[in-house]
Amino acid sequence: MERERGQLWTSFKTLIFTILVPGTVTILIPFKLLSARPGAGHPLPFPIQCLGALAMVLGGLFGAWCLWLFTFEGKGTPAPIDPPKNLVVTGPYRFTRNPMYFAITTILLGESAFFGSGTLLIYTGLCFAGFNLFIRFYEEPALRRKFGPAYEEHCRNVPRWIPKSRTGLHRRGL
């Protein structure tokens, strides 16, 4: 019973974090940017808008998968103040060390295409630059301190952003 209550509490904290942080980055701020300059977007051809919508959906599903893993495998949340107790190296973490940031960037790129907004595209670039700085100067050093050799091995085997070739993945049994 206590274990179930703990898991429920962790799930609730992950939900709150998701609403506050990724929700703000992918919904609130883009909404404010788009509504600050009505008509600033230029509708792109319908197929491009469809690709944008698909990117938003796939990015959201991919991000949800990452959140699930953090909550149920990592036994924690993505919030730096309540990080996972276990290092998560399964699922999308086998291919890139930062799939949640990848998911958010995919959603933002999708929004840029769907709304035909250069402003959102610039915002996406700024977010990605911010993610990269946060990862390099806070997150990776914190993970090295917390998980030591296990995280070092993960860094040697899994790239920060771009997955290795299929041949490289095949050699590692992935």
N, C-alpha and C. Protein backbone atom coordinates (compact mmCIF):
# COMPACT_ATOMS: atom_id res chain seq x y z
N MET A 1 0.83 -1.20 0.00
CA MET A 1 0.00 0.00 0.00
C MET A 1 0.87 1.26 0.00
N GLU A 2 1.89 1.27 0.84
CA GLU A 2 2.79 2.42 0.92
C GLU A 2 3.52 2.64 -0.41
N ARG A 3 3.94 1.55 -1.03
CA ARG A 3 4.63 1.63 -2.31
C ARG A 3 3.71 2.22 -3.38
N GLU A 4 2.45 1.77 -3.41
CA GLU A 4 1.49 2.29 -4.38
C GLU A 4 1.22 3.78 -4.15
N ARG A 5 1.14 4.17 -2.89
CA ARG A 5 0.91 5.57 -2.57
C ARG A 5 2.11 6.42 -3.02
N GLY A 6 3.31 5.88 -2.82
CA GLY A 6 4.52 6.58 -3.26
C GLY A 6 4.55 6.74 -4.77
N GLN A 7 4.16 5.69 -5.50
CA GLN A 7 4.15 5.75 -6.96
C GLN A 7 3.09 6.74 -7.45
N LEU A 8 1.95 6.76 -6.78
CA LEU A 8 0.89 7.71 -7.13
C LEU A 8 1.37 9.15 -6.91
N TRP A 9 2.07 9.38 -5.81
CA TRP A 9 2.59 10.71 -5.49
C TRP A 9 3.63 11.13 -6.54
N THR A 10 4.52 10.20 -6.92
CA THR A 10 5.51 10.51 -7.95
C THR A 10 4.83 10.82 -9.27
N SER A 11 3.80 10.08 -9.63
CA SER A 11 3.05 10.33 -10.86
C SER A 11 2.41 11.71 -10.83
N PHE A 12 1.85 12.08 -9.68
CA PHE A 12 1.23 13.40 -9.53
C PHE A 12 2.27 14.51 -9.70
N LYS A 13 3.44 14.35 -9.10
CA LYS A 13 4.50 15.36 -9.22
C LYS A 13 4.98 15.47 -10.66
N THR A 14 5.07 14.34 -11.36
CA THR A 14 5.46 14.38 -12.77
C THR A 14 4.42 15.12 -13.60
N LEU A 15 3.15 14.88 -13.32
CA LEU A 15 2.07 15.57 -14.03
C LEU A 15 2.16 17.09 -13.80
N ILE A 16 2.35 17.50 -12.56
CA ILE A 16 2.46 18.93 -12.25
C ILE A 16 3.65 19.54 -12.97
N PHE A 17 4.81 18.86 -12.91
CA PHE A 17 5.99 19.35 -13.60
C PHE A 17 5.72 19.49 -15.10
N THR A 18 5.06 18.49 -15.69
CA THR A 18 4.78 18.50 -17.12
C THR A 18 3.89 19.68 -17.51
N ILE A 19 2.90 19.95 -16.70
CA ILE A 19 2.02 21.09 -16.98
C ILE A 19 2.79 22.40 -16.86
N LEU A 20 3.60 22.51 -15.81
CA LEU A 20 4.30 23.76 -15.56
C LEU A 20 5.46 24.03 -16.51
N VAL A 21 6.28 23.04 -16.79
CA VAL A 21 7.49 23.30 -17.57
C VAL A 21 7.28 22.99 -19.06
N PRO A 22 7.18 21.72 -19.47
CA PRO A 22 6.95 21.51 -20.91
C PRO A 22 5.67 22.18 -21.41
N GLY A 23 4.64 22.23 -20.58
CA GLY A 23 3.40 22.89 -20.98
C GLY A 23 3.61 24.37 -21.25
N THR A 24 4.39 25.02 -20.41
CA THR A 24 4.69 26.44 -20.61
C THR A 24 5.51 26.64 -21.88
N VAL A 25 6.53 25.79 -22.05
CA VAL A 25 7.44 25.93 -23.20
C VAL A 25 6.74 25.63 -24.52
N THR A 26 5.86 24.63 -24.54
CA THR A 26 5.25 24.21 -25.81
C THR A 26 3.85 24.76 -26.07
N ILE A 27 3.19 25.27 -25.05
CA ILE A 27 1.82 25.76 -25.25
C ILE A 27 1.70 27.25 -24.90
N LEU A 28 1.99 27.61 -23.66
CA LEU A 28 1.76 28.98 -23.20
C LEU A 28 2.61 30.00 -23.96
N ILE A 29 3.92 29.78 -24.00
CA ILE A 29 4.79 30.76 -24.67
C ILE A 29 4.50 30.83 -26.17
N PRO A 30 4.37 29.70 -26.88
CA PRO A 30 4.01 29.82 -28.31
C PRO A 30 2.68 30.56 -28.51
N PHE A 31 1.70 30.30 -27.64
CA PHE A 31 0.42 31.01 -27.75
C PHE A 31 0.63 32.51 -27.60
N LYS A 32 1.42 32.89 -26.61
CA LYS A 32 1.69 34.32 -26.39
C LYS A 32 2.43 34.93 -27.58
N LEU A 33 3.41 34.18 -28.11
CA LEU A 33 4.16 34.69 -29.26
C LEU A 33 3.27 34.85 -30.49
N LEU A 34 2.39 33.90 -30.71
CA LEU A 34 1.50 33.98 -31.87
C LEU A 34 0.44 35.06 -31.70
N SER A 35 -0.07 35.22 -30.48
CA SER A 35 -1.13 36.21 -30.27
C SER A 35 -0.58 37.63 -30.12
N ALA A 36 0.73 37.77 -29.87
CA ALA A 36 1.33 39.10 -29.75
C ALA A 36 1.34 39.81 -31.10
N ARG A 37 1.42 39.04 -32.16
CA ARG A 37 1.45 39.60 -33.52
C ARG A 37 0.45 38.85 -34.38
N PRO A 38 -0.85 39.12 -34.20
CA PRO A 38 -1.85 38.41 -35.01
C PRO A 38 -1.56 38.56 -36.50
N GLY A 39 -1.70 37.48 -37.20
CA GLY A 39 -1.45 37.51 -38.64
C GLY A 39 0.02 37.46 -39.01
N ALA A 40 0.90 37.32 -38.01
CA ALA A 40 2.34 37.30 -38.30
C ALA A 40 2.75 36.02 -39.01
N GLY A 41 2.01 34.95 -38.76
CA GLY A 41 2.33 33.69 -39.42
C GLY A 41 1.86 33.70 -40.87
N HIS A 42 2.51 32.93 -41.67
CA HIS A 42 2.13 32.82 -43.08
C HIS A 42 1.78 31.36 -43.32
N PRO A 43 0.49 31.09 -43.57
CA PRO A 43 0.11 29.69 -43.76
C PRO A 43 0.97 29.02 -44.84
N LEU A 44 1.51 27.90 -44.46
CA LEU A 44 2.31 27.12 -45.39
C LEU A 44 1.38 26.17 -46.14
N PRO A 45 1.88 25.55 -47.20
CA PRO A 45 1.02 24.60 -47.93
C PRO A 45 0.47 23.52 -46.99
N PHE A 46 -0.72 23.06 -47.30
CA PHE A 46 -1.42 22.08 -46.46
C PHE A 46 -0.56 20.87 -46.09
N PRO A 47 0.19 20.28 -47.04
CA PRO A 47 1.02 19.12 -46.66
C PRO A 47 2.06 19.47 -45.58
N ILE A 48 2.60 20.68 -45.63
CA ILE A 48 3.58 21.10 -44.62
C ILE A 48 2.88 21.27 -43.28
N GLN A 49 1.67 21.84 -43.30
CA GLN A 49 0.90 21.97 -42.06
C GLN A 49 0.60 20.59 -41.48
N CYS A 50 0.28 19.63 -42.33
CA CYS A 50 0.02 18.26 -41.86
C CYS A 50 1.27 17.66 -41.22
N LEU A 51 2.42 17.89 -41.85
CA LEU A 51 3.68 17.40 -41.26
C LEU A 51 3.93 18.06 -39.91
N GLY A 52 3.61 19.35 -39.80
CA GLY A 52 3.74 20.06 -38.53
C GLY A 52 2.84 19.45 -37.46
N ALA A 53 1.60 19.16 -37.83
CA ALA A 53 0.66 18.55 -36.88
C ALA A 53 1.16 17.16 -36.46
N LEU A 54 1.67 16.40 -37.43
CA LEU A 54 2.21 15.08 -37.13
C LEU A 54 3.41 15.19 -36.17
N ALA A 55 4.29 16.16 -36.41
CA ALA A 55 5.45 16.37 -35.53
C ALA A 55 5.00 16.70 -34.11
N MET A 56 3.95 17.51 -34.00
CA MET A 56 3.45 17.86 -32.66
C MET A 56 2.92 16.61 -31.94
N VAL A 57 2.16 15.81 -32.64
CA VAL A 57 1.59 14.59 -32.03
C VAL A 57 2.69 13.60 -31.67
N LEU A 58 3.60 13.35 -32.61
CA LEU A 58 4.67 12.39 -32.35
C LEU A 58 5.60 12.89 -31.23
N GLY A 59 5.90 14.17 -31.23
CA GLY A 59 6.72 14.74 -30.16
C GLY A 59 6.04 14.59 -28.81
N GLY A 60 4.73 14.81 -28.78
CA GLY A 60 3.97 14.65 -27.53
C GLY A 60 3.96 13.22 -27.03
N LEU A 61 3.76 12.28 -27.95
CA LEU A 61 3.76 10.86 -27.57
C LEU A 61 5.15 10.42 -27.11
N PHE A 62 6.17 10.86 -27.82
CA PHE A 62 7.55 10.53 -27.46
C PHE A 62 7.89 11.08 -26.07
N GLY A 63 7.48 12.34 -25.84
CA GLY A 63 7.71 12.95 -24.53
C GLY A 63 6.96 12.22 -23.42
N ALA A 64 5.73 11.79 -23.71
CA ALA A 64 4.96 11.04 -22.71
C ALA A 64 5.65 9.72 -22.37
N TRP A 65 6.23 9.06 -23.36
CA TRP A 65 6.97 7.82 -23.13
C TRP A 65 8.15 8.08 -22.19
N CYS A 66 8.86 9.16 -22.44
CA CYS A 66 10.00 9.52 -21.58
C CYS A 66 9.54 9.81 -20.16
N LEU A 67 8.45 10.53 -20.01
CA LEU A 67 7.92 10.84 -18.68
C LEU A 67 7.51 9.56 -17.95
N TRP A 68 6.91 8.64 -18.69
CA TRP A 68 6.51 7.34 -18.12
C TRP A 68 7.74 6.62 -17.57
N LEU A 69 8.80 6.58 -18.37
CA LEU A 69 10.02 5.89 -17.94
C LEU A 69 10.62 6.55 -16.71
N PHE A 70 10.66 7.87 -16.69
CA PHE A 70 11.21 8.58 -15.52
C PHE A 70 10.41 8.26 -14.27
N THR A 71 9.10 8.21 -14.41
CA THR A 71 8.23 7.98 -13.26
C THR A 71 8.29 6.55 -12.76
N PHE A 72 8.16 5.59 -13.68
CA PHE A 72 8.01 4.19 -13.25
C PHE A 72 9.30 3.38 -13.25
N GLU A 73 10.25 3.74 -14.07
CA GLU A 73 11.53 3.04 -14.05
C GLU A 73 12.56 3.82 -13.23
N GLY A 74 12.57 5.14 -13.44
CA GLY A 74 13.51 5.98 -12.71
C GLY A 74 13.10 6.27 -11.28
N LYS A 75 11.81 6.05 -10.98
CA LYS A 75 11.28 6.29 -9.63
C LYS A 75 11.48 7.75 -9.18
N GLY A 76 11.24 8.66 -10.12
CA GLY A 76 11.35 10.07 -9.81
C GLY A 76 10.67 10.88 -10.89
N THR A 77 10.96 12.16 -10.92
CA THR A 77 10.36 13.06 -11.89
C THR A 77 11.46 13.69 -12.74
N PRO A 78 11.09 14.37 -13.83
CA PRO A 78 12.09 15.08 -14.63
C PRO A 78 12.54 16.39 -13.96
N ALA A 79 11.88 16.79 -12.91
CA ALA A 79 12.22 18.05 -12.23
C ALA A 79 13.58 17.93 -11.54
N PRO A 80 14.47 18.90 -11.76
CA PRO A 80 15.78 18.85 -11.10
C PRO A 80 15.70 18.78 -9.57
N ILE A 81 14.61 19.27 -9.00
CA ILE A 81 14.49 19.22 -7.53
C ILE A 81 13.99 17.87 -7.03
N ASP A 82 13.55 17.01 -7.95
CA ASP A 82 13.07 15.67 -7.57
C ASP A 82 13.45 14.66 -8.66
N PRO A 83 14.77 14.49 -8.87
CA PRO A 83 15.21 13.65 -9.99
C PRO A 83 14.97 12.16 -9.75
N PRO A 84 15.06 11.36 -10.80
CA PRO A 84 14.90 9.92 -10.64
C PRO A 84 15.95 9.33 -9.70
N LYS A 85 15.57 8.28 -9.04
CA LYS A 85 16.49 7.58 -8.14
C LYS A 85 17.33 6.56 -8.92
N ASN A 86 16.81 6.10 -10.05
CA ASN A 86 17.50 5.14 -10.91
C ASN A 86 17.83 5.81 -12.24
N LEU A 87 19.00 5.49 -12.78
CA LEU A 87 19.39 5.99 -14.09
C LEU A 87 18.54 5.29 -15.15
N VAL A 88 17.87 6.07 -15.98
CA VAL A 88 17.02 5.51 -17.03
C VAL A 88 17.86 5.41 -18.31
N VAL A 89 18.03 4.17 -18.81
CA VAL A 89 18.83 3.94 -20.02
C VAL A 89 18.10 3.04 -21.02
N THR A 90 16.80 2.87 -20.84
CA THR A 90 16.02 2.03 -21.73
C THR A 90 15.15 2.90 -22.64
N GLY A 91 14.39 2.25 -23.51
CA GLY A 91 13.50 2.99 -24.40
C GLY A 91 14.29 3.96 -25.26
N PRO A 92 13.82 5.18 -25.41
CA PRO A 92 14.52 6.15 -26.26
C PRO A 92 15.89 6.55 -25.71
N TYR A 93 16.12 6.30 -24.42
CA TYR A 93 17.41 6.63 -23.81
C TYR A 93 18.52 5.70 -24.30
N ARG A 94 18.19 4.67 -25.06
CA ARG A 94 19.20 3.81 -25.67
C ARG A 94 19.82 4.48 -26.89
N PHE A 95 19.14 5.50 -27.44
CA PHE A 95 19.58 6.11 -28.69
C PHE A 95 20.09 7.53 -28.53
N THR A 96 19.54 8.27 -27.58
CA THR A 96 19.98 9.63 -27.30
C THR A 96 19.83 9.86 -25.80
N ARG A 97 20.76 10.62 -25.23
CA ARG A 97 20.70 10.86 -23.78
C ARG A 97 19.64 11.89 -23.42
N ASN A 98 19.09 12.57 -24.39
CA ASN A 98 18.17 13.68 -24.10
C ASN A 98 16.87 13.61 -24.90
N PRO A 99 16.16 12.49 -24.81
CA PRO A 99 14.96 12.38 -25.65
C PRO A 99 13.83 13.32 -25.24
N MET A 100 13.76 13.74 -23.98
CA MET A 100 12.69 14.67 -23.60
C MET A 100 12.89 16.03 -24.27
N TYR A 101 14.13 16.49 -24.30
CA TYR A 101 14.41 17.76 -24.97
C TYR A 101 14.17 17.61 -26.48
N PHE A 102 14.51 16.45 -27.01
CA PHE A 102 14.24 16.16 -28.43
C PHE A 102 12.74 16.23 -28.69
N ALA A 103 11.94 15.67 -27.79
CA ALA A 103 10.48 15.68 -27.94
C ALA A 103 9.94 17.11 -27.94
N ILE A 104 10.41 17.92 -27.01
CA ILE A 104 9.95 19.31 -26.93
C ILE A 104 10.35 20.07 -28.19
N THR A 105 11.58 19.87 -28.65
CA THR A 105 12.04 20.54 -29.87
C THR A 105 11.20 20.11 -31.06
N THR A 106 10.84 18.83 -31.13
CA THR A 106 10.00 18.32 -32.22
C THR A 106 8.62 18.97 -32.19
N ILE A 107 8.05 19.10 -31.00
CA ILE A 107 6.75 19.76 -30.87
C ILE A 107 6.85 21.20 -31.36
N LEU A 108 7.89 21.91 -30.94
CA LEU A 108 8.04 23.31 -31.32
C LEU A 108 8.27 23.47 -32.83
N LEU A 109 9.05 22.57 -33.42
CA LEU A 109 9.24 22.62 -34.87
C LEU A 109 7.91 22.37 -35.58
N GLY A 110 7.13 21.43 -35.05
CA GLY A 110 5.81 21.16 -35.60
C GLY A 110 4.90 22.38 -35.53
N GLU A 111 4.93 23.06 -34.39
CA GLU A 111 4.12 24.28 -34.25
C GLU A 111 4.57 25.34 -35.24
N SER A 112 5.88 25.48 -35.42
CA SER A 112 6.41 26.47 -36.38
C SER A 112 5.87 26.19 -37.78
N ALA A 113 5.88 24.92 -38.17
CA ALA A 113 5.39 24.55 -39.51
C ALA A 113 3.88 24.69 -39.60
N PHE A 114 3.16 24.22 -38.57
CA PHE A 114 1.71 24.25 -38.60
C PHE A 114 1.18 25.69 -38.72
N PHE A 115 1.80 26.59 -37.95
CA PHE A 115 1.33 27.99 -37.94
C PHE A 115 2.09 28.86 -38.95
N GLY A 116 3.11 28.30 -39.60
CA GLY A 116 3.90 29.08 -40.56
C GLY A 116 4.54 30.28 -39.89
N SER A 117 5.13 30.06 -38.73
CA SER A 117 5.64 31.17 -37.93
C SER A 117 7.16 31.16 -37.81
N GLY A 118 7.78 32.18 -38.39
CA GLY A 118 9.22 32.37 -38.23
C GLY A 118 9.56 32.70 -36.79
N THR A 119 8.66 33.40 -36.12
CA THR A 119 8.88 33.74 -34.71
C THR A 119 9.00 32.47 -33.87
N LEU A 120 8.11 31.49 -34.13
CA LEU A 120 8.19 30.23 -33.39
C LEU A 120 9.45 29.45 -33.76
N LEU A 121 9.88 29.58 -35.00
CA LEU A 121 11.11 28.89 -35.41
C LEU A 121 12.32 29.48 -34.67
N ILE A 122 12.37 30.79 -34.55
CA ILE A 122 13.45 31.43 -33.78
C ILE A 122 13.37 31.01 -32.31
N TYR A 123 12.16 31.01 -31.77
CA TYR A 123 11.96 30.57 -30.38
C TYR A 123 12.44 29.14 -30.19
N THR A 124 12.15 28.28 -31.17
CA THR A 124 12.61 26.88 -31.11
C THR A 124 14.13 26.82 -31.04
N GLY A 125 14.79 27.59 -31.88
CA GLY A 125 16.26 27.63 -31.86
C GLY A 125 16.80 28.11 -30.54
N LEU A 126 16.17 29.13 -29.96
CA LEU A 126 16.60 29.64 -28.66
C LEU A 126 16.38 28.61 -27.56
N CYS A 127 15.24 27.90 -27.63
CA CYS A 127 14.98 26.84 -26.65
C CYS A 127 16.04 25.74 -26.75
N PHE A 128 16.34 25.33 -27.98
CA PHE A 128 17.34 24.28 -28.16
C PHE A 128 18.70 24.72 -27.62
N ALA A 129 19.07 25.96 -27.88
CA ALA A 129 20.34 26.48 -27.36
C ALA A 129 20.32 26.47 -25.82
N GLY A 130 19.19 26.88 -25.25
CA GLY A 130 19.05 26.86 -23.79
C GLY A 130 19.12 25.45 -23.23
N PHE A 131 18.45 24.51 -23.90
CA PHE A 131 18.50 23.11 -23.46
C PHE A 131 19.95 22.62 -23.46
N ASN A 132 20.67 22.92 -24.54
CA ASN A 132 22.04 22.45 -24.66
C ASN A 132 22.91 23.01 -23.54
N LEU A 133 22.77 24.29 -23.23
CA LEU A 133 23.55 24.89 -22.14
C LEU A 133 23.18 24.26 -20.79
N PHE A 134 21.89 24.08 -20.54
CA PHE A 134 21.43 23.48 -19.29
C PHE A 134 21.98 22.06 -19.14
N ILE A 135 21.93 21.30 -20.22
CA ILE A 135 22.41 19.91 -20.20
C ILE A 135 23.91 19.87 -19.91
N ARG A 136 24.68 20.67 -20.64
CA ARG A 136 26.14 20.64 -20.51
C ARG A 136 26.63 21.15 -19.16
N PHE A 137 26.01 22.21 -18.65
CA PHE A 137 26.56 22.85 -17.45
C PHE A 137 25.86 22.51 -16.15
N TYR A 138 24.66 21.92 -16.22
CA TYR A 138 23.98 21.51 -14.99
C TYR A 138 23.67 20.02 -14.97
N GLU A 139 22.89 19.58 -15.96
CA GLU A 139 22.34 18.23 -15.91
C GLU A 139 23.41 17.14 -15.97
N GLU A 140 24.32 17.23 -16.94
CA GLU A 140 25.34 16.18 -17.05
C GLU A 140 26.26 16.13 -15.82
N PRO A 141 26.75 17.28 -15.32
CA PRO A 141 27.56 17.20 -14.10
C PRO A 141 26.77 16.62 -12.91
N ALA A 142 25.50 16.96 -12.80
CA ALA A 142 24.68 16.42 -11.70
C ALA A 142 24.50 14.92 -11.84
N LEU A 143 24.28 14.44 -13.06
CA LEU A 143 24.13 13.00 -13.29
C LEU A 143 25.44 12.26 -13.05
N ARG A 144 26.56 12.88 -13.40
CA ARG A 144 27.86 12.24 -13.13
C ARG A 144 28.07 12.09 -11.62
N ARG A 145 27.71 13.11 -10.87
CA ARG A 145 27.86 13.03 -9.40
C ARG A 145 26.94 11.97 -8.82
N LYS A 146 25.71 11.91 -9.31
CA LYS A 146 24.72 11.01 -8.73
C LYS A 146 24.93 9.55 -9.13
N PHE A 147 25.21 9.31 -10.42
CA PHE A 147 25.25 7.93 -10.91
C PHE A 147 26.65 7.44 -11.25
N GLY A 148 27.65 8.31 -11.20
CA GLY A 148 29.05 7.93 -11.37
C GLY A 148 29.35 7.10 -12.60
N PRO A 149 30.03 5.94 -12.41
CA PRO A 149 30.47 5.11 -13.54
C PRO A 149 29.32 4.66 -14.46
N ALA A 150 28.15 4.43 -13.92
CA ALA A 150 27.02 3.99 -14.76
C ALA A 150 26.66 5.09 -15.76
N TYR A 151 26.67 6.34 -15.32
CA TYR A 151 26.36 7.44 -16.23
C TYR A 151 27.51 7.66 -17.22
N GLU A 152 28.74 7.52 -16.76
CA GLU A 152 29.90 7.65 -17.65
C GLU A 152 29.82 6.63 -18.79
N GLU A 153 29.46 5.41 -18.45
CA GLU A 153 29.32 4.37 -19.47
C GLU A 153 28.19 4.72 -20.44
N HIS A 154 27.09 5.21 -19.91
CA HIS A 154 25.96 5.63 -20.75
C HIS A 154 26.41 6.72 -21.72
N CYS A 155 27.21 7.68 -21.23
CA CYS A 155 27.71 8.76 -22.09
C CYS A 155 28.63 8.22 -23.18
N ARG A 156 29.44 7.22 -22.86
CA ARG A 156 30.33 6.63 -23.86
C ARG A 156 29.54 5.89 -24.95
N ASN A 157 28.42 5.30 -24.57
CA ASN A 157 27.65 4.47 -25.50
C ASN A 157 26.52 5.19 -26.23
N VAL A 158 26.05 6.27 -25.68
CA VAL A 158 24.87 6.94 -26.24
C VAL A 158 25.19 8.42 -26.46
N PRO A 159 24.99 8.91 -27.68
CA PRO A 159 25.29 10.32 -27.96
C PRO A 159 24.30 11.27 -27.28
N ARG A 160 24.76 12.49 -27.10
CA ARG A 160 23.93 13.52 -26.46
C ARG A 160 22.68 13.80 -27.28
N TRP A 161 22.82 13.93 -28.60
CA TRP A 161 21.68 14.34 -29.42
C TRP A 161 21.36 13.39 -30.56
N ILE A 162 22.29 13.19 -31.46
CA ILE A 162 21.99 12.49 -32.71
C ILE A 162 22.37 11.02 -32.57
N PRO A 163 21.38 10.12 -32.74
CA PRO A 163 21.68 8.68 -32.63
C PRO A 163 22.75 8.25 -33.63
N LYS A 164 23.52 7.26 -33.21
CA LYS A 164 24.55 6.71 -34.08
C LYS A 164 23.91 5.91 -35.21
N SER A 165 24.72 5.55 -36.19
CA SER A 165 24.21 4.78 -37.33
C SER A 165 23.64 3.45 -36.88
N ARG A 166 22.79 2.88 -37.71
CA ARG A 166 22.21 1.57 -37.40
C ARG A 166 23.30 0.53 -37.19
N THR A 167 24.40 0.65 -37.92
CA THR A 167 25.49 -0.30 -37.77
C THR A 167 26.04 -0.23 -36.36
N GLY A 168 26.26 0.98 -35.87
CA GLY A 168 26.77 1.16 -34.50
C GLY A 168 25.78 0.62 -33.47
N LEU A 169 24.49 0.83 -33.71
CA LEU A 169 23.48 0.33 -32.79
C LEU A 169 23.43 -1.18 -32.82
N HIS A 170 23.58 -1.75 -34.02
CA HIS A 170 23.54 -3.21 -34.15
C HIS A 170 24.69 -3.86 -33.38
N ARG A 171 25.88 -3.24 -33.45
CA ARG A 171 27.03 -3.79 -32.75
C ARG A 171 26.81 -3.81 -31.23
N ARG A 172 26.03 -2.88 -30.74
CA ARG A 172 25.77 -2.82 -29.30
C ARG A 172 24.57 -3.67 -28.92
N GLY A 173 24.01 -4.37 -29.88
CA GLY A 173 22.88 -5.25 -29.58
C GLY A 173 21.56 -4.50 -29.46
N LEU A 174 21.46 -3.33 -30.07
CA LEU A 174 20.23 -2.55 -29.98
C LEU A 174 19.40 -2.68 -31.23
